[in-house]
Structures are given as C-alpha cells and as structure tokens.
C-alpha cells in the first residue's frame, strides 16, 4: 500500500482559498457601482436631451432650406416684368391707364 492515498495527497497539497480577494472584489465593485451610477445616468440623460435637440435642429434646418429655396425662386421672378406687374395688380390693386378695376364682393362682405 502506498504511503499516501490519492485523495489524501491532493487534499493536502491544495492551499486554502483566500477569502480576502473575494471580499475586496465585492467591496470595490459595490463602490464602483455607487460611484459611477449617478454619473452614468446623468450622461445618458444628457445624451437623450442632445439627441432630441439634434432632431429639432435638423427639422428647423430643413424648413429654413425650403424657405431659402422659395425666396431664391421669388427673387428670380422679381427680375421678370410680368411678375412685378402681377404683384402690382394683386397686392396693390393697381391698373394700367385706361383699364377699369372691377371688384367682386361676396355676400356678407362689405
């Protein structure tokens, strides 16, 4: 019979598992969780706010670009005589010499 049995030899050769490593890990993990959690949630809230603001600004940019395009088109029209005459007739109610202005009044309007 051998001096040491297999079970006894392996059980004696293993050093006891240190408990301080696990405790230290748990303490550090808990500290990190409480320390970084408010900062992380603040950053997430800030990211969401910036995301909404970016969407709003993108929408405003599209509206402004459309307005600029419309104004550029109107500027090109203002260089044409027919458009100036049209505006004078519609907005200012002007007529050429010899023409008579006829205004249609709807019922109930005076």
PDB file of N, CA and C in Angstrom:
ATOM      1  N   UNK A   1       0.828  -1.164   0.000  1.00  0.00           N
ATOM      2  CA  UNK A   1       0.000   0.000   0.000  1.00  0.00           C
ATOM      3  C   UNK A   1       0.886   1.245   0.000  1.00  0.00           C
ATOM      4  N   UNK A   2       0.481   2.220  -0.850  1.00  0.00           N
ATOM      5  CA  UNK A   2       1.292   3.431  -0.914  1.00  0.00           C
ATOM      6  C   UNK A   2       1.178   4.238   0.377  1.00  0.00           C
ATOM      7  N   UNK A   3       2.193   5.028   0.577  1.00  0.00           N
ATOM      8  CA  UNK A   3       2.233   5.843   1.771  1.00  0.00           C
ATOM      9  C   UNK A   3       1.080   6.854   1.829  1.00  0.00           C
ATOM     10  N   UNK A   4       0.813   7.472   0.712  1.00  0.00           N
ATOM     11  CA  UNK A   4      -0.292   8.435   0.635  1.00  0.00           C
ATOM     12  C   UNK A   4      -1.344   7.899  -0.300  1.00  0.00           C
ATOM     13  N   UNK A   5      -2.557   8.026   0.080  1.00  0.00           N
ATOM     14  CA  UNK A   5      -3.627   7.665  -0.844  1.00  0.00           C
ATOM     15  C   UNK A   5      -3.864   8.848  -1.771  1.00  0.00           C
ATOM     16  N   UNK A   6      -4.459   8.580  -2.936  1.00  0.00           N
ATOM     17  CA  UNK A   6      -4.674   9.630  -3.932  1.00  0.00           C
ATOM     18  C   UNK A   6      -5.510  10.786  -3.382  1.00  0.00           C
ATOM     19  N   UNK A   7      -6.579  10.519  -2.720  1.00  0.00           N
ATOM     20  CA  UNK A   7      -7.453  11.550  -2.181  1.00  0.00           C
ATOM     21  C   UNK A   7      -6.769  12.391  -1.138  1.00  0.00           C
ATOM     22  N   UNK A   8      -6.000  11.741  -0.293  1.00  0.00           N
ATOM     23  CA  UNK A   8      -5.342  12.458   0.771  1.00  0.00           C
ATOM     24  C   UNK A   8      -4.218  13.335   0.224  1.00  0.00           C
ATOM     25  N   UNK A   9      -3.493  12.820  -0.796  1.00  0.00           N
ATOM     26  CA  UNK A   9      -2.381  13.567  -1.354  1.00  0.00           C
ATOM     27  C   UNK A   9      -2.867  14.870  -1.998  1.00  0.00           C
ATOM     28  N   UNK A  10      -3.956  14.824  -2.760  1.00  0.00           N
ATOM     29  CA  UNK A  10      -4.443  16.036  -3.422  1.00  0.00           C
ATOM     30  C   UNK A  10      -5.079  17.009  -2.444  1.00  0.00           C
ATOM     31  N   UNK A  11      -5.734  16.498  -1.429  1.00  0.00           N
ATOM     32  CA  UNK A  11      -6.384  17.394  -0.487  1.00  0.00           C
ATOM     33  C   UNK A  11      -5.353  18.128   0.362  1.00  0.00           C
ATOM     34  N   UNK A  12      -4.238  17.520   0.638  1.00  0.00           N
ATOM     35  CA  UNK A  12      -3.226  18.179   1.448  1.00  0.00           C
ATOM     36  C   UNK A  12      -2.388  19.155   0.626  1.00  0.00           C
ATOM     37  N   UNK A  13      -2.294  18.924  -0.693  1.00  0.00           N
ATOM     38  CA  UNK A  13      -1.419  19.774  -1.491  1.00  0.00           C
ATOM     39  C   UNK A  13      -2.097  21.084  -1.913  1.00  0.00           C
ATOM     40  N   UNK A  14      -3.416  21.159  -1.858  1.00  0.00           N
ATOM     41  CA  UNK A  14      -4.101  22.384  -2.242  1.00  0.00           C
ATOM     42  C   UNK A  14      -4.064  23.388  -1.105  1.00  0.00           C
ATOM     43  N   UNK A  15      -3.619  24.609  -1.394  1.00  0.00           N
ATOM     44  CA  UNK A  15      -3.620  25.623  -0.325  1.00  0.00           C
ATOM     45  C   UNK A  15      -5.044  26.113  -0.090  1.00  0.00           C
ATOM     46  N   UNK A  16      -5.321  26.582   1.079  1.00  0.00           N
ATOM     47  CA  UNK A  16      -6.660  27.085   1.352  1.00  0.00           C
ATOM     48  C   UNK A  16      -6.934  28.330   0.481  1.00  0.00           C
ATOM     49  N   UNK A  17      -8.169  28.441   0.024  1.00  0.00           N
ATOM     50  CA  UNK A  17      -8.564  29.537  -0.874  1.00  0.00           C
ATOM     51  C   UNK A  17      -8.646  30.831  -0.071  1.00  0.00           C
ATOM     52  N   UNK A  18      -8.000  31.907  -0.563  1.00  0.00           N
ATOM     53  CA  UNK A  18      -8.040  33.162   0.207  1.00  0.00           C
ATOM     54  C   UNK A  18      -9.416  33.811   0.106  1.00  0.00           C
ATOM     55  N   UNK A  19      -9.944  34.247   1.193  1.00  0.00           N
ATOM     56  CA  UNK A  19     -11.257  34.896   1.253  1.00  0.00           C
ATOM     57  C   UNK A  19     -11.134  36.401   1.017  1.00  0.00           C
ATOM     58  N   UNK A  20      -9.984  36.980   1.285  1.00  0.00           N
ATOM     59  CA  UNK A  20      -9.820  38.425   1.167  1.00  0.00           C
ATOM     60  C   UNK A  20      -9.964  38.896  -0.279  1.00  0.00           C
ATOM     61  N   UNK A  21      -9.586  38.113  -1.228  1.00  0.00           N
ATOM     62  CA  UNK A  21      -9.698  38.500  -2.641  1.00  0.00           C
ATOM     63  C   UNK A  21     -11.151  38.682  -3.040  1.00  0.00           C
ATOM     64  N   UNK A  22     -12.000  37.767  -2.648  1.00  0.00           N
ATOM     65  CA  UNK A  22     -13.424  37.869  -2.970  1.00  0.00           C
ATOM     66  C   UNK A  22     -14.062  39.055  -2.254  1.00  0.00           C
ATOM     67  N   UNK A  23     -13.729  39.237  -1.019  1.00  0.00           N
ATOM     68  CA  UNK A  23     -14.302  40.338  -0.242  1.00  0.00           C
ATOM     69  C   UNK A  23     -13.857  41.671  -0.826  1.00  0.00           C
ATOM     70  N   UNK A  24     -12.574  41.778  -1.164  1.00  0.00           N
ATOM     71  CA  UNK A  24     -12.057  43.008  -1.751  1.00  0.00           C
ATOM     72  C   UNK A  24     -12.730  43.291  -3.092  1.00  0.00           C
ATOM     73  N   UNK A  25     -12.930  42.275  -3.905  1.00  0.00           N
ATOM     74  CA  UNK A  25     -13.605  42.450  -5.202  1.00  0.00           C
ATOM     75  C   UNK A  25     -15.031  42.944  -5.001  1.00  0.00           C
ATOM     76  N   UNK A  26     -15.748  42.355  -4.081  1.00  0.00           N
ATOM     77  CA  UNK A  26     -17.137  42.760  -3.822  1.00  0.00           C
ATOM     78  C   UNK A  26     -17.192  44.203  -3.321  1.00  0.00           C
ATOM     79  N   UNK A  27     -16.284  44.570  -2.430  1.00  0.00           N
ATOM     80  CA  UNK A  27     -16.270  45.935  -1.898  1.00  0.00           C
ATOM     81  C   UNK A  27     -15.947  46.931  -3.017  1.00  0.00           C
ATOM     82  N   UNK A  28     -14.934  46.641  -3.830  1.00  0.00           N
ATOM     83  CA  UNK A  28     -14.565  47.543  -4.911  1.00  0.00           C
ATOM     84  C   UNK A  28     -15.669  47.631  -5.975  1.00  0.00           C
ATOM     85  N   UNK A  29     -16.293  46.521  -6.282  1.00  0.00           N
ATOM     86  CA  UNK A  29     -17.375  46.519  -7.265  1.00  0.00           C
ATOM     87  C   UNK A  29     -18.563  47.340  -6.765  1.00  0.00           C
ATOM     88  N   UNK A  30     -18.910  47.182  -5.498  1.00  0.00           N
ATOM     89  CA  UNK A  30     -20.010  47.944  -4.916  1.00  0.00           C
ATOM     90  C   UNK A  30     -19.692  49.444  -4.907  1.00  0.00           C
ATOM     91  N   UNK A  31     -18.462  49.776  -4.539  1.00  0.00           N
ATOM     92  CA  UNK A  31     -18.048  51.181  -4.546  1.00  0.00           C
ATOM     93  C   UNK A  31     -18.128  51.760  -5.960  1.00  0.00           C
ATOM     94  N   UNK A  32     -17.631  51.025  -6.947  1.00  0.00           N
ATOM     95  CA  UNK A  32     -17.665  51.491  -8.333  1.00  0.00           C
ATOM     96  C   UNK A  32     -19.103  51.639  -8.815  1.00  0.00           C
ATOM     97  N   UNK A  33     -19.945  50.719  -8.443  1.00  0.00           N
ATOM     98  CA  UNK A  33     -21.348  50.779  -8.853  1.00  0.00           C
ATOM     99  C   UNK A  33     -22.029  52.036  -8.310  1.00  0.00           C
ATOM    100  N   UNK A  34     -21.833  52.326  -7.043  1.00  0.00           N
ATOM    101  CA  UNK A  34     -22.449  53.511  -6.453  1.00  0.00           C
ATOM    102  C   UNK A  34     -21.784  54.806  -6.913  1.00  0.00           C
ATOM    103  N   UNK A  35     -20.493  54.757  -7.204  1.00  0.00           N
ATOM    104  CA  UNK A  35     -19.786  55.953  -7.624  1.00  0.00           C
ATOM    105  C   UNK A  35     -20.106  56.335  -9.062  1.00  0.00           C
ATOM    106  N   UNK A  36     -20.145  55.361  -9.958  1.00  0.00           N
ATOM    107  CA  UNK A  36     -20.339  55.647 -11.380  1.00  0.00           C
ATOM    108  C   UNK A  36     -21.795  55.669 -11.809  1.00  0.00           C
ATOM    109  N   UNK A  37     -22.691  55.122 -11.040  1.00  0.00           N
ATOM    110  CA  UNK A  37     -24.099  55.063 -11.429  1.00  0.00           C
ATOM    111  C   UNK A  37     -24.724  56.436 -11.626  1.00  0.00           C
ATOM    112  N   UNK A  38     -24.582  57.393 -10.707  1.00  0.00           N
ATOM    113  CA  UNK A  38     -25.178  58.722 -10.954  1.00  0.00           C
ATOM    114  C   UNK A  38     -24.554  59.422 -12.154  1.00  0.00           C
ATOM    115  N   UNK A  39     -23.260  59.278 -12.313  1.00  0.00           N
ATOM    116  CA  UNK A  39     -22.599  59.900 -13.454  1.00  0.00           C
ATOM    117  C   UNK A  39     -23.067  59.275 -14.759  1.00  0.00           C
ATOM    118  N   UNK A  40     -23.195  57.974 -14.758  1.00  0.00           N
ATOM    119  CA  UNK A  40     -23.637  57.280 -15.970  1.00  0.00           C
ATOM    120  C   UNK A  40     -25.064  57.678 -16.331  1.00  0.00           C
ATOM    121  N   UNK A  41     -25.948  57.717 -15.342  1.00  0.00           N
ATOM    122  CA  UNK A  41     -27.338  58.072 -15.626  1.00  0.00           C
ATOM    123  C   UNK A  41     -27.431  59.535 -16.069  1.00  0.00           C
ATOM    124  N   UNK A  42     -26.592  60.402 -15.525  1.00  0.00           N
ATOM    125  CA  UNK A  42     -26.584  61.799 -15.957  1.00  0.00           C
ATOM    126  C   UNK A  42     -26.122  61.904 -17.409  1.00  0.00           C
ATOM    127  N   UNK A  43     -25.129  61.117 -17.766  1.00  0.00           N
ATOM    128  CA  UNK A  43     -24.636  61.133 -19.149  1.00  0.00           C
ATOM    129  C   UNK A  43     -25.692  60.583 -20.109  1.00  0.00           C
ATOM    130  N   UNK A  44     -26.415  59.569 -19.708  1.00  0.00           N
ATOM    131  CA  UNK A  44     -27.479  59.019 -20.557  1.00  0.00           C
ATOM    132  C   UNK A  44     -28.575  60.055 -20.749  1.00  0.00           C
ATOM    133  N   UNK A  45     -28.958  60.744 -19.679  1.00  0.00           N
ATOM    134  CA  UNK A  45     -29.989  61.781 -19.779  1.00  0.00           C
ATOM    135  C   UNK A  45     -29.514  62.918 -20.679  1.00  0.00           C
ATOM    136  N   UNK A  46     -28.245  63.287 -20.545  1.00  0.00           N
ATOM    137  CA  UNK A  46     -27.689  64.346 -21.387  1.00  0.00           C
ATOM    138  C   UNK A  46     -27.662  63.915 -22.851  1.00  0.00           C
ATOM    139  N   UNK A  47     -27.319  62.663 -23.094  1.00  0.00           N
ATOM    140  CA  UNK A  47     -27.314  62.138 -24.462  1.00  0.00           C
ATOM    141  C   UNK A  47     -28.718  62.175 -25.061  1.00  0.00           C
ATOM    142  N   UNK A  48     -29.721  61.803 -24.290  1.00  0.00           N
ATOM    143  CA  UNK A  48     -31.097  61.821 -24.779  1.00  0.00           C
ATOM    144  C   UNK A  48     -31.543  63.252 -25.089  1.00  0.00           C
ATOM    145  N   UNK A  49     -31.171  64.208 -24.239  1.00  0.00           N
ATOM    146  CA  UNK A  49     -31.521  65.605 -24.458  1.00  0.00           C
ATOM    147  C   UNK A  49     -30.859  66.126 -25.732  1.00  0.00           C
ATOM    148  N   UNK A  50     -29.581  65.807 -25.910  1.00  0.00           N
ATOM    149  CA  UNK A  50     -28.872  66.236 -27.120  1.00  0.00           C
ATOM    150  C   UNK A  50     -29.443  65.565 -28.360  1.00  0.00           C
ATOM    151  N   UNK A  51     -29.878  64.339 -28.234  1.00  0.00           N
ATOM    152  CA  UNK A  51     -30.472  63.629 -29.363  1.00  0.00           C
ATOM    153  C   UNK A  51     -31.765  64.313 -29.808  1.00  0.00           C
ATOM    154  N   UNK A  52     -32.628  64.670 -28.852  1.00  0.00           N
ATOM    155  CA  UNK A  52     -33.869  65.380 -29.181  1.00  0.00           C
ATOM    156  C   UNK A  52     -33.564  66.752 -29.779  1.00  0.00           C
ATOM    157  N   UNK A  53     -32.578  67.429 -29.209  1.00  0.00           N
ATOM    158  CA  UNK A  53     -32.207  68.748 -29.720  1.00  0.00           C
ATOM    159  C   UNK A  53     -31.679  68.649 -31.149  1.00  0.00           C
ATOM    160  N   UNK A  54     -30.919  67.601 -31.434  1.00  0.00           N
ATOM    161  CA  UNK A  54     -30.413  67.390 -32.795  1.00  0.00           C
ATOM    162  C   UNK A  54     -31.551  67.158 -33.775  1.00  0.00           C
ATOM    163  N   UNK A  55     -32.554  66.382 -33.366  1.00  0.00           N
ATOM    164  CA  UNK A  55     -33.720  66.160 -34.228  1.00  0.00           C
ATOM    165  C   UNK A  55     -34.454  67.472 -34.496  1.00  0.00           C
ATOM    166  N   UNK A  56     -34.639  68.281 -33.447  1.00  0.00           N
ATOM    167  CA  UNK A  56     -35.318  69.572 -33.618  1.00  0.00           C
ATOM    168  C   UNK A  56     -34.536  70.487 -34.555  1.00  0.00           C
ATOM    169  N   UNK A  57     -33.236  70.540 -34.362  1.00  0.00           N
ATOM    170  CA  UNK A  57     -32.415  71.407 -35.205  1.00  0.00           C
ATOM    171  C   UNK A  57     -32.372  70.918 -36.646  1.00  0.00           C
ATOM    172  N   UNK A  58     -32.390  69.617 -36.844  1.00  0.00           N
ATOM    173  CA  UNK A  58     -32.415  69.068 -38.197  1.00  0.00           C
ATOM    174  C   UNK A  58     -33.716  69.439 -38.889  1.00  0.00           C
ATOM    175  N   UNK A  59     -34.829  69.357 -38.162  1.00  0.00           N
ATOM    176  CA  UNK A  59     -36.124  69.747 -38.719  1.00  0.00           C
ATOM    177  C   UNK A  59     -36.131  71.232 -39.070  1.00  0.00           C
ATOM    178  N   UNK A  60     -35.607  72.071 -38.164  1.00  0.00           N
ATOM    179  CA  UNK A  60     -35.545  73.504 -38.434  1.00  0.00           C
ATOM    180  C   UNK A  60     -34.659  73.800 -39.642  1.00  0.00           C
ATOM    181  N   UNK A  61     -33.569  73.067 -39.766  1.00  0.00           N
ATOM    182  CA  UNK A  61     -32.671  73.270 -40.905  1.00  0.00           C
ATOM    183  C   UNK A  61     -33.398  72.963 -42.221  1.00  0.00           C
ATOM    184  N   UNK A  62     -34.164  71.863 -42.242  1.00  0.00           N
ATOM    185  CA  UNK A  62     -34.924  71.527 -43.452  1.00  0.00           C
ATOM    186  C   UNK A  62     -35.927  72.621 -43.792  1.00  0.00           C
ATOM    187  N   UNK A  63     -36.623  73.146 -42.770  1.00  0.00           N
ATOM    188  CA  UNK A  63     -37.586  74.222 -43.016  1.00  0.00           C
ATOM    189  C   UNK A  63     -36.903  75.477 -43.544  1.00  0.00           C
ATOM    190  N   UNK A  64     -35.775  75.817 -42.972  1.00  0.00           N
ATOM    191  CA  UNK A  64     -35.051  77.017 -43.407  1.00  0.00           C
ATOM    192  C   UNK A  64     -34.519  76.841 -44.821  1.00  0.00           C
ATOM    193  N   UNK A  65     -34.018  75.650 -45.137  1.00  0.00           N
ATOM    194  CA  UNK A  65     -33.537  75.406 -46.508  1.00  0.00           C
ATOM    195  C   UNK A  65     -34.684  75.527 -47.518  1.00  0.00           C
ATOM    196  N   UNK A  66     -35.854  75.033 -47.164  1.00  0.00           N
ATOM    197  CA  UNK A  66     -37.011  75.154 -48.057  1.00  0.00           C
ATOM    198  C   UNK A  66     -37.404  76.621 -48.224  1.00  0.00           C
ATOM    199  N   UNK A  67     -37.352  77.377 -47.135  1.00  0.00           N
ATOM    200  CA  UNK A  67     -37.675  78.804 -47.191  1.00  0.00           C
ATOM    201  C   UNK A  67     -36.660  79.560 -48.056  1.00  0.00           C
ATOM    202  N   UNK A  68     -35.386  79.223 -47.916  1.00  0.00           N
ATOM    203  CA  UNK A  68     -34.348  79.865 -48.724  1.00  0.00           C
ATOM    204  C   UNK A  68     -34.565  79.552 -50.202  1.00  0.00           C
ATOM    205  N   UNK A  69     -34.925  78.312 -50.486  1.00  0.00           N
ATOM    206  CA  UNK A  69     -35.190  77.925 -51.879  1.00  0.00           C
ATOM    207  C   UNK A  69     -36.395  78.696 -52.442  1.00  0.00           C
ATOM    208  N   UNK A  70     -37.447  78.833 -51.625  1.00  0.00           N
ATOM    209  CA  UNK A  70     -38.625  79.570 -52.067  1.00  0.00           C
ATOM    210  C   UNK A  70     -38.290  81.039 -52.317  1.00  0.00           C
ATOM    211  N   UNK A  71     -37.496  81.630 -51.413  1.00  0.00           N
ATOM    212  CA  UNK A  71     -37.119  83.035 -51.571  1.00  0.00           C
ATOM    213  C   UNK A  71     -36.199  83.245 -52.780  1.00  0.00           C
ATOM    214  N   UNK A  72     -35.321  82.293 -53.055  1.00  0.00           N
ATOM    215  CA  UNK A  72     -34.456  82.397 -54.231  1.00  0.00           C
ATOM    216  C   UNK A  72     -35.289  82.344 -55.501  1.00  0.00           C
ATOM    217  N   UNK A  73     -36.313  81.489 -55.501  1.00  0.00           N
ATOM    218  CA  UNK A  73     -37.206  81.400 -56.663  1.00  0.00           C
ATOM    219  C   UNK A  73     -37.969  82.709 -56.846  1.00  0.00           C
ATOM    220  N   UNK A  74     -38.462  83.270 -55.749  1.00  0.00           N
ATOM    221  CA  UNK A  74     -39.183  84.537 -55.838  1.00  0.00           C
ATOM    222  C   UNK A  74     -38.254  85.660 -56.289  1.00  0.00           C
ATOM    223  N   UNK A  75     -37.017  85.620 -55.857  1.00  0.00           N
ATOM    224  CA  UNK A  75     -36.044  86.635 -56.296  1.00  0.00           C
ATOM    225  C   UNK A  75     -35.825  86.572 -57.803  1.00  0.00           C
ATOM    226  N   UNK A  76     -35.739  85.349 -58.333  1.00  0.00           N
ATOM    227  CA  UNK A  76     -35.603  85.193 -59.792  1.00  0.00           C
ATOM    228  C   UNK A  76     -36.837  85.742 -60.497  1.00  0.00           C
ATOM    229  N   UNK A  77     -38.011  85.509 -59.923  1.00  0.00           N
ATOM    230  CA  UNK A  77     -39.253  86.029 -60.515  1.00  0.00           C
ATOM    231  C   UNK A  77     -39.294  87.560 -60.474  1.00  0.00           C
ATOM    232  N   UNK A  78     -38.766  88.147 -59.398  1.00  0.00           N
ATOM    233  CA  UNK A  78     -38.799  89.602 -59.268  1.00  0.00           C
ATOM    234  C   UNK A  78     -37.954  90.310 -60.329  1.00  0.00           C
ATOM    235  N   UNK A  79     -37.106  89.584 -60.991  1.00  0.00           N
ATOM    236  CA  UNK A  79     -36.329  90.155 -62.084  1.00  0.00           C
ATOM    237  C   UNK A  79     -37.123  90.183 -63.389  1.00  0.00           C
ATOM    238  N   UNK A  80     -38.289  89.547 -63.394  1.00  0.00           N
ATOM    239  CA  UNK A  80     -39.132  89.487 -64.592  1.00  0.00           C
ATOM    240  C   UNK A  80     -40.233  90.552 -64.504  1.00  0.00           C
ATOM    241  N   UNK A  81     -40.503  91.213 -65.608  1.00  0.00           N
ATOM    242  CA  UNK A  81     -41.522  92.269 -65.652  1.00  0.00           C
ATOM    243  C   UNK A  81     -42.929  91.730 -65.421  1.00  0.00           C
ATOM    244  N   UNK A  82     -43.239  90.563 -65.973  1.00  0.00           N
ATOM    245  CA  UNK A  82     -44.581  90.009 -65.838  1.00  0.00           C
ATOM    246  C   UNK A  82     -44.924  89.727 -64.382  1.00  0.00           C
ATOM    247  N   UNK A  83     -43.938  89.329 -63.579  1.00  0.00           N
ATOM    248  CA  UNK A  83     -44.192  89.016 -62.173  1.00  0.00           C
ATOM    249  C   UNK A  83     -44.423  90.300 -61.377  1.00  0.00           C
ATOM    250  N   UNK A  84     -43.639  91.332 -61.675  1.00  0.00           N
ATOM    251  CA  UNK A  84     -43.826  92.611 -60.992  1.00  0.00           C
ATOM    252  C   UNK A  84     -45.213  93.162 -61.296  1.00  0.00           C
ATOM    253  N   UNK A  85     -45.648  93.050 -62.564  1.00  0.00           N
ATOM    254  CA  UNK A  85     -46.991  93.506 -62.933  1.00  0.00           C
ATOM    255  C   UNK A  85     -48.059  92.698 -62.200  1.00  0.00           C
ATOM    256  N   UNK A  86     -47.856  91.412 -62.121  1.00  0.00           N
ATOM    257  CA  UNK A  86     -48.816  90.539 -61.416  1.00  0.00           C
ATOM    258  C   UNK A  86     -48.936  90.952 -59.943  1.00  0.00           C
ATOM    259  N   UNK A  87     -47.798  91.180 -59.288  1.00  0.00           N
ATOM    260  CA  UNK A  87     -47.832  91.606 -57.881  1.00  0.00           C
ATOM    261  C   UNK A  87     -48.515  92.954 -57.727  1.00  0.00           C
ATOM    262  N   UNK A  88     -48.249  93.869 -58.636  1.00  0.00           N
ATOM    263  CA  UNK A  88     -48.867  95.198 -58.559  1.00  0.00           C
ATOM    264  C   UNK A  88     -50.379  95.095 -58.699  1.00  0.00           C
ATOM    265  N   UNK A  89     -50.842  94.242 -59.585  1.00  0.00           N
ATOM    266  CA  UNK A  89     -52.280  94.083 -59.782  1.00  0.00           C
ATOM    267  C   UNK A  89     -52.940  93.381 -58.582  1.00  0.00           C
ATOM    268  N   UNK A  90     -52.307  92.319 -58.067  1.00  0.00           N
ATOM    269  CA  UNK A  90     -52.924  91.527 -56.999  1.00  0.00           C
ATOM    270  C   UNK A  90     -52.798  92.185 -55.630  1.00  0.00           C
ATOM    271  N   UNK A  91     -51.623  92.627 -55.284  1.00  0.00           N
ATOM    272  CA  UNK A  91     -51.395  93.117 -53.926  1.00  0.00           C
ATOM    273  C   UNK A  91     -51.747  94.599 -53.782  1.00  0.00           C
ATOM    274  N   UNK A  92     -51.373  95.382 -54.770  1.00  0.00           N
ATOM    275  CA  UNK A  92     -51.583  96.824 -54.654  1.00  0.00           C
ATOM    276  C   UNK A  92     -52.843  97.312 -55.359  1.00  0.00           C
ATOM    277  N   UNK A  93     -53.529  96.409 -56.064  1.00  0.00           N
ATOM    278  CA  UNK A  93     -54.771  96.729 -56.785  1.00  0.00           C
ATOM    279  C   UNK A  93     -54.554  97.862 -57.801  1.00  0.00           C
ATOM    280  N   UNK A  94     -53.411  97.857 -58.471  1.00  0.00           N
ATOM    281  CA  UNK A  94     -53.114  98.861 -59.489  1.00  0.00           C
ATOM    282  C   UNK A  94     -53.624  98.402 -60.851  1.00  0.00           C
ATOM    283  N   UNK A  95     -53.930  99.375 -61.710  1.00  0.00           N
ATOM    284  CA  UNK A  95     -54.379  99.073 -63.071  1.00  0.00           C
ATOM    285  C   UNK A  95     -53.576  99.934 -64.042  1.00  0.00           C
ATOM    286  N   UNK A  96     -53.536  99.499 -65.273  1.00  0.00           N
ATOM    287  CA  UNK A  96     -52.886 100.296 -66.316  1.00  0.00           C
ATOM    288  C   UNK A  96     -53.823 101.440 -66.719  1.00  0.00           C
ATOM    289  N   UNK A  97     -53.252 102.483 -67.291  1.00  0.00           N
ATOM    290  CA  UNK A  97     -54.114 103.578 -67.746  1.00  0.00           C
ATOM    291  C   UNK A  97     -55.124 103.078 -68.766  1.00  0.00           C
ATOM    292  N   UNK A  98     -56.364 103.432 -68.569  1.00  0.00           N
ATOM    293  CA  UNK A  98     -57.428 103.034 -69.476  1.00  0.00           C
ATOM    294  C   UNK A  98     -58.164 101.781 -69.032  1.00  0.00           C
ATOM    295  N   UNK A  99     -57.625 101.034 -68.074  1.00  0.00           N
ATOM    296  CA  UNK A  99     -58.315  99.841 -67.567  1.00  0.00           C
ATOM    297  C   UNK A  99     -59.244 100.240 -66.424  1.00  0.00           C
ATOM    298  N   UNK A 100     -60.260  99.422 -66.217  1.00  0.00           N
ATOM    299  CA  UNK A 100     -61.201  99.660 -65.129  1.00  0.00           C
ATOM    300  C   UNK A 100     -61.085  98.494 -64.146  1.00  0.00           C
ATOM    301  N   UNK A 101     -60.943  98.811 -62.892  1.00  0.00           N
ATOM    302  CA  UNK A 101     -60.835  97.788 -61.844  1.00  0.00           C
ATOM    303  C   UNK A 101     -62.229  97.351 -61.437  1.00  0.00           C
ATOM    304  N   UNK A 102     -62.486  96.069 -61.534  1.00  0.00           N
ATOM    305  CA  UNK A 102     -63.774  95.510 -61.122  1.00  0.00           C
ATOM    306  C   UNK A 102     -63.504  94.652 -59.903  1.00  0.00           C
ATOM    307  N   UNK A 103     -64.205  94.954 -58.827  1.00  0.00           N
ATOM    308  CA  UNK A 103     -64.019  94.196 -57.585  1.00  0.00           C
ATOM    309  C   UNK A 103     -65.310  93.455 -57.301  1.00  0.00           C
ATOM    310  N   UNK A 104     -65.207  92.137 -57.113  1.00  0.00           N
ATOM    311  CA  UNK A 104     -66.365  91.305 -56.826  1.00  0.00           C
ATOM    312  C   UNK A 104     -66.483  91.188 -55.309  1.00  0.00           C
ATOM    313  N   UNK A 105     -67.651  91.513 -54.793  1.00  0.00           N
ATOM    314  CA  UNK A 105     -67.899  91.445 -53.366  1.00  0.00           C
ATOM    315  C   UNK A 105     -68.773  90.228 -53.083  1.00  0.00           C
ATOM    316  N   UNK A 106     -68.334  89.391 -52.188  1.00  0.00           N
ATOM    317  CA  UNK A 106     -69.094  88.194 -51.822  1.00  0.00           C
ATOM    318  C   UNK A 106     -70.225  88.605 -50.888  1.00  0.00           C
ATOM    319  N   UNK A 107     -71.320  87.841 -50.881  1.00  0.00           N
ATOM    320  CA  UNK A 107     -72.430  88.157 -49.976  1.00  0.00           C
ATOM    321  C   UNK A 107     -71.941  88.153 -48.518  1.00  0.00           C
ATOM    322  N   UNK A 108     -72.351  89.146 -47.776  1.00  0.00           N
ATOM    323  CA  UNK A 108     -71.963  89.237 -46.381  1.00  0.00           C
ATOM    324  C   UNK A 108     -70.659  89.981 -46.190  1.00  0.00           C
ATOM    325  N   UNK A 109     -69.998  90.356 -47.262  1.00  0.00           N
ATOM    326  CA  UNK A 109     -68.716  91.067 -47.171  1.00  0.00           C
ATOM    327  C   UNK A 109     -68.932  92.507 -47.632  1.00  0.00           C
ATOM    328  N   UNK A 110     -68.493  93.438 -46.859  1.00  0.00           N
ATOM    329  CA  UNK A 110     -68.646  94.849 -47.265  1.00  0.00           C
ATOM    330  C   UNK A 110     -67.478  95.660 -46.860  1.00  0.00           C
TER     331      UNK A 110
END
